[in-house]
Amino acid sequence: MRIGMMLSYSGGFAQTVAELADYEAAGLDLAVVPEAYSFDAVSQLGYIAAKTTRVQLASGIMQLYTRTPT
């Protein structure tokens, strides 16, 4: 069985990433990053990818209309 979770914004992003490292060590398989309250999921996914080793990352809802197709 695989285990995944949606990341939370409570406590701040730095705290969330620190907790994610603990969850990854405990066996978490998937972390989903939502894009809400003007947080940029793409940047956060990149940062989290640099701080983790094996957990799979996914985006929740991404607001495509806020990005230009360049």
PDB file of N, CA and C in Angstrom:
ATOM      1  N   MET A   1       0.845  -1.174   0.000  1.00  0.00           N
ATOM      2  CA  MET A   1       0.000   0.000   0.000  1.00  0.00           C
ATOM      3  C   MET A   1       0.890   1.238   0.000  1.00  0.00           C
ATOM      4  N   ARG A   2       0.510   2.224  -0.774  1.00  0.00           N
ATOM      5  CA  ARG A   2       1.252   3.489  -0.825  1.00  0.00           C
ATOM      6  C   ARG A   2       0.519   4.526   0.008  1.00  0.00           C
ATOM      7  N   ILE A   3       1.296   5.411   0.618  1.00  0.00           N
ATOM      8  CA  ILE A   3       0.718   6.442   1.481  1.00  0.00           C
ATOM      9  C   ILE A   3       1.117   7.813   0.949  1.00  0.00           C
ATOM     10  N   GLY A   4       0.127   8.702   0.817  1.00  0.00           N
ATOM     11  CA  GLY A   4       0.377  10.059   0.363  1.00  0.00           C
ATOM     12  C   GLY A   4      -0.373  11.053   1.223  1.00  0.00           C
ATOM     13  N   MET A   5      -0.005  12.317   1.094  1.00  0.00           N
ATOM     14  CA  MET A   5      -0.680  13.358   1.869  1.00  0.00           C
ATOM     15  C   MET A   5      -0.608  14.689   1.143  1.00  0.00           C
ATOM     16  N   MET A   6      -1.582  15.541   1.423  1.00  0.00           N
ATOM     17  CA  MET A   6      -1.598  16.913   0.930  1.00  0.00           C
ATOM     18  C   MET A   6      -0.844  17.768   1.941  1.00  0.00           C
ATOM     19  N   LEU A   7       0.093  18.574   1.466  1.00  0.00           N
ATOM     20  CA  LEU A   7       0.834  19.444   2.373  1.00  0.00           C
ATOM     21  C   LEU A   7      -0.050  20.581   2.853  1.00  0.00           C
ATOM     22  N   SER A   8       0.252  21.077   4.027  1.00  0.00           N
ATOM     23  CA  SER A   8      -0.524  22.150   4.640  1.00  0.00           C
ATOM     24  C   SER A   8       0.313  23.422   4.681  1.00  0.00           C
ATOM     25  N   TYR A   9      -0.350  24.554   4.682  1.00  0.00           N
ATOM     26  CA  TYR A   9       0.358  25.827   4.791  1.00  0.00           C
ATOM     27  C   TYR A   9       0.398  26.353   6.221  1.00  0.00           C
ATOM     28  N   SER A  10      -0.235  25.667   7.141  1.00  0.00           N
ATOM     29  CA  SER A  10      -0.211  26.142   8.530  1.00  0.00           C
ATOM     30  C   SER A  10       1.185  25.949   9.103  1.00  0.00           C
ATOM     31  N   GLY A  11       1.689  26.950   9.791  1.00  0.00           N
ATOM     32  CA  GLY A  11       3.021  26.871  10.372  1.00  0.00           C
ATOM     33  C   GLY A  11       4.122  27.381   9.468  1.00  0.00           C
ATOM     34  N   GLY A  12       3.805  27.660   8.214  1.00  0.00           N
ATOM     35  CA  GLY A  12       4.794  28.201   7.296  1.00  0.00           C
ATOM     36  C   GLY A  12       5.422  27.127   6.418  1.00  0.00           C
ATOM     37  N   PHE A  13       5.936  27.553   5.285  1.00  0.00           N
ATOM     38  CA  PHE A  13       6.494  26.623   4.306  1.00  0.00           C
ATOM     39  C   PHE A  13       7.757  25.945   4.816  1.00  0.00           C
ATOM     40  N   ALA A  14       8.635  26.671   5.491  1.00  0.00           N
ATOM     41  CA  ALA A  14       9.884  26.076   5.998  1.00  0.00           C
ATOM     42  C   ALA A  14       9.595  24.943   6.975  1.00  0.00           C
ATOM     43  N   GLN A  15       8.625  25.156   7.842  1.00  0.00           N
ATOM     44  CA  GLN A  15       8.256  24.111   8.800  1.00  0.00           C
ATOM     45  C   GLN A  15       7.655  22.909   8.075  1.00  0.00           C
ATOM     46  N   THR A  16       6.853  23.163   7.063  1.00  0.00           N
ATOM     47  CA  THR A  16       6.239  22.082   6.293  1.00  0.00           C
ATOM     48  C   THR A  16       7.299  21.217   5.623  1.00  0.00           C
ATOM     49  N   VAL A  17       8.326  21.841   5.043  1.00  0.00           N
ATOM     50  CA  VAL A  17       9.396  21.088   4.383  1.00  0.00           C
ATOM     51  C   VAL A  17      10.187  20.279   5.407  1.00  0.00           C
ATOM     52  N   ALA A  18      10.441  20.849   6.572  1.00  0.00           N
ATOM     53  CA  ALA A  18      11.146  20.114   7.628  1.00  0.00           C
ATOM     54  C   ALA A  18      10.334  18.898   8.069  1.00  0.00           C
ATOM     55  N   GLU A  19       9.034  19.070   8.217  1.00  0.00           N
ATOM     56  CA  GLU A  19       8.168  17.952   8.593  1.00  0.00           C
ATOM     57  C   GLU A  19       8.121  16.910   7.478  1.00  0.00           C
ATOM     58  N   LEU A  20       8.147  17.358   6.236  1.00  0.00           N
ATOM     59  CA  LEU A  20       8.110  16.430   5.110  1.00  0.00           C
ATOM     60  C   LEU A  20       9.327  15.510   5.120  1.00  0.00           C
ATOM     61  N   ALA A  21      10.477  16.023   5.506  1.00  0.00           N
ATOM     62  CA  ALA A  21      11.672  15.178   5.610  1.00  0.00           C
ATOM     63  C   ALA A  21      11.456  14.067   6.633  1.00  0.00           C
ATOM     64  N   ASP A  22      10.804  14.386   7.737  1.00  0.00           N
ATOM     65  CA  ASP A  22      10.490  13.365   8.748  1.00  0.00           C
ATOM     66  C   ASP A  22       9.489  12.349   8.207  1.00  0.00           C
ATOM     67  N   TYR A  23       8.474  12.829   7.496  1.00  0.00           N
ATOM     68  CA  TYR A  23       7.477  11.925   6.913  1.00  0.00           C
ATOM     69  C   TYR A  23       8.122  10.998   5.881  1.00  0.00           C
ATOM     70  N   GLU A  24       9.042  11.552   5.098  1.00  0.00           N
ATOM     71  CA  GLU A  24       9.735  10.743   4.099  1.00  0.00           C
ATOM     72  C   GLU A  24      10.552   9.644   4.779  1.00  0.00           C
ATOM     73  N   ALA A  25      11.233   9.983   5.853  1.00  0.00           N
ATOM     74  CA  ALA A  25      12.008   8.988   6.599  1.00  0.00           C
ATOM     75  C   ALA A  25      11.110   7.907   7.194  1.00  0.00           C
ATOM     76  N   ALA A  26       9.866   8.273   7.504  1.00  0.00           N
ATOM     77  CA  ALA A  26       8.915   7.312   8.074  1.00  0.00           C
ATOM     78  C   ALA A  26       8.237   6.459   7.001  1.00  0.00           C
ATOM     79  N   GLY A  27       8.479   6.770   5.715  1.00  0.00           N
ATOM     80  CA  GLY A  27       7.942   5.940   4.650  1.00  0.00           C
ATOM     81  C   GLY A  27       6.888   6.571   3.764  1.00  0.00           C
ATOM     82  N   LEU A  28       6.668   7.869   3.868  1.00  0.00           N
ATOM     83  CA  LEU A  28       5.686   8.532   3.006  1.00  0.00           C
ATOM     84  C   LEU A  28       6.080   8.352   1.544  1.00  0.00           C
ATOM     85  N   ASP A  29       5.112   8.036   0.695  1.00  0.00           N
ATOM     86  CA  ASP A  29       5.380   7.788  -0.721  1.00  0.00           C
ATOM     87  C   ASP A  29       5.099   8.983  -1.623  1.00  0.00           C
ATOM     88  N   LEU A  30       4.095   9.797  -1.279  1.00  0.00           N
ATOM     89  CA  LEU A  30       3.649  10.867  -2.169  1.00  0.00           C
ATOM     90  C   LEU A  30       3.273  12.105  -1.373  1.00  0.00           C
ATOM     91  N   ALA A  31       3.731  13.262  -1.831  1.00  0.00           N
ATOM     92  CA  ALA A  31       3.342  14.545  -1.235  1.00  0.00           C
ATOM     93  C   ALA A  31       2.703  15.394  -2.332  1.00  0.00           C
ATOM     94  N   VAL A  32       1.526  15.932  -2.045  1.00  0.00           N
ATOM     95  CA  VAL A  32       0.801  16.766  -3.004  1.00  0.00           C
ATOM     96  C   VAL A  32       0.875  18.214  -2.535  1.00  0.00           C
ATOM     97  N   VAL A  33       1.304  19.094  -3.426  1.00  0.00           N
ATOM     98  CA  VAL A  33       1.458  20.513  -3.107  1.00  0.00           C
ATOM     99  C   VAL A  33       0.295  21.283  -3.723  1.00  0.00           C
ATOM    100  N   PRO A  34      -0.540  21.907  -2.895  1.00  0.00           N
ATOM    101  CA  PRO A  34      -1.640  22.701  -3.440  1.00  0.00           C
ATOM    102  C   PRO A  34      -1.155  24.099  -3.828  1.00  0.00           C
ATOM    103  N   GLU A  35      -1.880  24.744  -4.714  1.00  0.00           N
ATOM    104  CA  GLU A  35      -1.579  26.134  -5.048  1.00  0.00           C
ATOM    105  C   GLU A  35      -2.775  26.960  -4.602  1.00  0.00           C
ATOM    106  N   ALA A  36      -2.613  27.616  -3.479  1.00  0.00           N
ATOM    107  CA  ALA A  36      -3.704  28.405  -2.912  1.00  0.00           C
ATOM    108  C   ALA A  36      -3.125  29.620  -2.210  1.00  0.00           C
ATOM    109  N   TYR A  37      -3.941  30.625  -2.042  1.00  0.00           N
ATOM    110  CA  TYR A  37      -3.542  31.832  -1.307  1.00  0.00           C
ATOM    111  C   TYR A  37      -2.298  32.467  -1.914  1.00  0.00           C
ATOM    112  N   SER A  38      -2.162  32.410  -3.213  1.00  0.00           N
ATOM    113  CA  SER A  38      -1.080  33.007  -4.001  1.00  0.00           C
ATOM    114  C   SER A  38       0.278  32.343  -3.810  1.00  0.00           C
ATOM    115  N   PHE A  39       0.328  31.137  -3.246  1.00  0.00           N
ATOM    116  CA  PHE A  39       1.582  30.385  -3.195  1.00  0.00           C
ATOM    117  C   PHE A  39       1.815  29.754  -4.561  1.00  0.00           C
ATOM    118  N   ASP A  40       3.047  29.756  -5.032  1.00  0.00           N
ATOM    119  CA  ASP A  40       3.384  29.205  -6.342  1.00  0.00           C
ATOM    120  C   ASP A  40       3.800  27.746  -6.191  1.00  0.00           C
ATOM    121  N   ALA A  41       2.949  26.826  -6.603  1.00  0.00           N
ATOM    122  CA  ALA A  41       3.214  25.396  -6.441  1.00  0.00           C
ATOM    123  C   ALA A  41       4.446  24.951  -7.220  1.00  0.00           C
ATOM    124  N   VAL A  42       4.697  25.533  -8.382  1.00  0.00           N
ATOM    125  CA  VAL A  42       5.836  25.124  -9.199  1.00  0.00           C
ATOM    126  C   VAL A  42       7.146  25.404  -8.466  1.00  0.00           C
ATOM    127  N   SER A  43       7.297  26.576  -7.902  1.00  0.00           N
ATOM    128  CA  SER A  43       8.508  26.912  -7.146  1.00  0.00           C
ATOM    129  C   SER A  43       8.648  26.035  -5.914  1.00  0.00           C
ATOM    130  N   GLN A  44       7.543  25.803  -5.234  1.00  0.00           N
ATOM    131  CA  GLN A  44       7.590  24.971  -4.037  1.00  0.00           C
ATOM    132  C   GLN A  44       7.946  23.532  -4.377  1.00  0.00           C
ATOM    133  N   LEU A  45       7.412  23.000  -5.464  1.00  0.00           N
ATOM    134  CA  LEU A  45       7.761  21.642  -5.879  1.00  0.00           C
ATOM    135  C   LEU A  45       9.252  21.524  -6.176  1.00  0.00           C
ATOM    136  N   GLY A  46       9.823  22.536  -6.811  1.00  0.00           N
ATOM    137  CA  GLY A  46      11.260  22.531  -7.087  1.00  0.00           C
ATOM    138  C   GLY A  46      12.092  22.537  -5.819  1.00  0.00           C
ATOM    139  N   TYR A  47      11.692  23.354  -4.863  1.00  0.00           N
ATOM    140  CA  TYR A  47      12.414  23.426  -3.587  1.00  0.00           C
ATOM    141  C   TYR A  47      12.312  22.102  -2.837  1.00  0.00           C
ATOM    142  N   ILE A  48      11.109  21.545  -2.796  1.00  0.00           N
ATOM    143  CA  ILE A  48      10.901  20.280  -2.091  1.00  0.00           C
ATOM    144  C   ILE A  48      11.682  19.156  -2.771  1.00  0.00           C
ATOM    145  N   ALA A  49      11.744  19.163  -4.090  1.00  0.00           N
ATOM    146  CA  ALA A  49      12.505  18.139  -4.810  1.00  0.00           C
ATOM    147  C   ALA A  49      13.983  18.182  -4.431  1.00  0.00           C
ATOM    148  N   ALA A  50      14.501  19.376  -4.181  1.00  0.00           N
ATOM    149  CA  ALA A  50      15.903  19.506  -3.778  1.00  0.00           C
ATOM    150  C   ALA A  50      16.139  19.049  -2.343  1.00  0.00           C
ATOM    151  N   LYS A  51      15.104  19.046  -1.526  1.00  0.00           N
ATOM    152  CA  LYS A  51      15.239  18.704  -0.107  1.00  0.00           C
ATOM    153  C   LYS A  51      14.846  17.262   0.215  1.00  0.00           C
ATOM    154  N   THR A  52      14.292  16.535  -0.757  1.00  0.00           N
ATOM    155  CA  THR A  52      13.865  15.157  -0.519  1.00  0.00           C
ATOM    156  C   THR A  52      14.625  14.229  -1.464  1.00  0.00           C
ATOM    157  N   THR A  53      14.528  12.929  -1.198  1.00  0.00           N
ATOM    158  CA  THR A  53      15.273  11.990  -2.035  1.00  0.00           C
ATOM    159  C   THR A  53      14.395  10.979  -2.758  1.00  0.00           C
ATOM    160  N   ARG A  54      13.352  10.463  -2.116  1.00  0.00           N
ATOM    161  CA  ARG A  54      12.585   9.399  -2.751  1.00  0.00           C
ATOM    162  C   ARG A  54      11.085   9.639  -2.819  1.00  0.00           C
ATOM    163  N   VAL A  55      10.570  10.576  -2.057  1.00  0.00           N
ATOM    164  CA  VAL A  55       9.126  10.812  -2.069  1.00  0.00           C
ATOM    165  C   VAL A  55       8.716  11.370  -3.436  1.00  0.00           C
ATOM    166  N   GLN A  56       7.602  10.874  -3.971  1.00  0.00           N
ATOM    167  CA  GLN A  56       7.085  11.401  -5.229  1.00  0.00           C
ATOM    168  C   GLN A  56       6.316  12.682  -4.947  1.00  0.00           C
ATOM    169  N   LEU A  57       6.395  13.617  -5.880  1.00  0.00           N
ATOM    170  CA  LEU A  57       5.736  14.913  -5.710  1.00  0.00           C
ATOM    171  C   LEU A  57       4.672  15.099  -6.781  1.00  0.00           C
ATOM    172  N   ALA A  58       3.597  15.752  -6.388  1.00  0.00           N
ATOM    173  CA  ALA A  58       2.508  16.040  -7.323  1.00  0.00           C
ATOM    174  C   ALA A  58       1.938  17.411  -7.001  1.00  0.00           C
ATOM    175  N   SER A  59       1.347  18.030  -8.006  1.00  0.00           N
ATOM    176  CA  SER A  59       0.674  19.303  -7.763  1.00  0.00           C
ATOM    177  C   SER A  59      -0.815  19.038  -7.595  1.00  0.00           C
ATOM    178  N   GLY A  60      -1.421  19.812  -6.725  1.00  0.00           N
ATOM    179  CA  GLY A  60      -2.869  19.742  -6.568  1.00  0.00           C
ATOM    180  C   GLY A  60      -3.492  20.526  -7.703  1.00  0.00           C
ATOM    181  N   ILE A  61      -4.133  21.597  -7.393  1.00  0.00           N
ATOM    182  CA  ILE A  61      -4.720  22.463  -8.409  1.00  0.00           C
ATOM    183  C   ILE A  61      -3.714  23.554  -8.739  1.00  0.00           C
ATOM    184  N   MET A  62      -3.447  23.757 -10.023  1.00  0.00           N
ATOM    185  CA  MET A  62      -2.565  24.841 -10.455  1.00  0.00           C
ATOM    186  C   MET A  62      -3.386  25.822 -11.271  1.00  0.00           C
ATOM    187  N   GLN A  63      -3.230  27.082 -10.979  1.00  0.00           N
ATOM    188  CA  GLN A  63      -3.981  28.123 -11.678  1.00  0.00           C
ATOM    189  C   GLN A  63      -3.257  28.483 -12.974  1.00  0.00           C
ATOM    190  N   LEU A  64      -3.627  27.837 -14.049  1.00  0.00           N
ATOM    191  CA  LEU A  64      -2.940  28.032 -15.321  1.00  0.00           C
ATOM    192  C   LEU A  64      -3.145  29.422 -15.900  1.00  0.00           C
ATOM    193  N   TYR A  65      -4.275  30.045 -15.628  1.00  0.00           N
ATOM    194  CA  TYR A  65      -4.531  31.372 -16.196  1.00  0.00           C
ATOM    195  C   TYR A  65      -3.607  32.445 -15.618  1.00  0.00           C
ATOM    196  N   THR A  66      -2.873  32.146 -14.564  1.00  0.00           N
ATOM    197  CA  THR A  66      -1.945  33.120 -13.984  1.00  0.00           C
ATOM    198  C   THR A  66      -0.561  33.028 -14.612  1.00  0.00           C
ATOM    199  N   ARG A  67      -0.373  32.108 -15.550  1.00  0.00           N
ATOM    200  CA  ARG A  67       0.930  31.922 -16.192  1.00  0.00           C
ATOM    201  C   ARG A  67       0.811  32.230 -17.680  1.00  0.00           C
ATOM    202  N   THR A  68       1.823  32.874 -18.218  1.00  0.00           N
ATOM    203  CA  THR A  68       1.818  33.161 -19.647  1.00  0.00           C
ATOM    204  C   THR A  68       2.477  31.998 -20.389  1.00  0.00           C
ATOM    205  N   PRO A  69       2.008  31.665 -21.575  1.00  0.00           N
ATOM    206  CA  PRO A  69       2.565  30.528 -22.321  1.00  0.00           C
ATOM    207  C   PRO A  69       3.837  30.898 -23.078  1.00  0.00           C
ATOM    208  N   THR A  70       4.911  31.149 -22.359  1.00  0.00           N
ATOM    209  CA  THR A  70       6.177  31.504 -23.014  1.00  0.00           C
ATOM    210  C   THR A  70       7.220  30.453 -22.805  1.00  0.00           C
TER     211      THR A  70
END
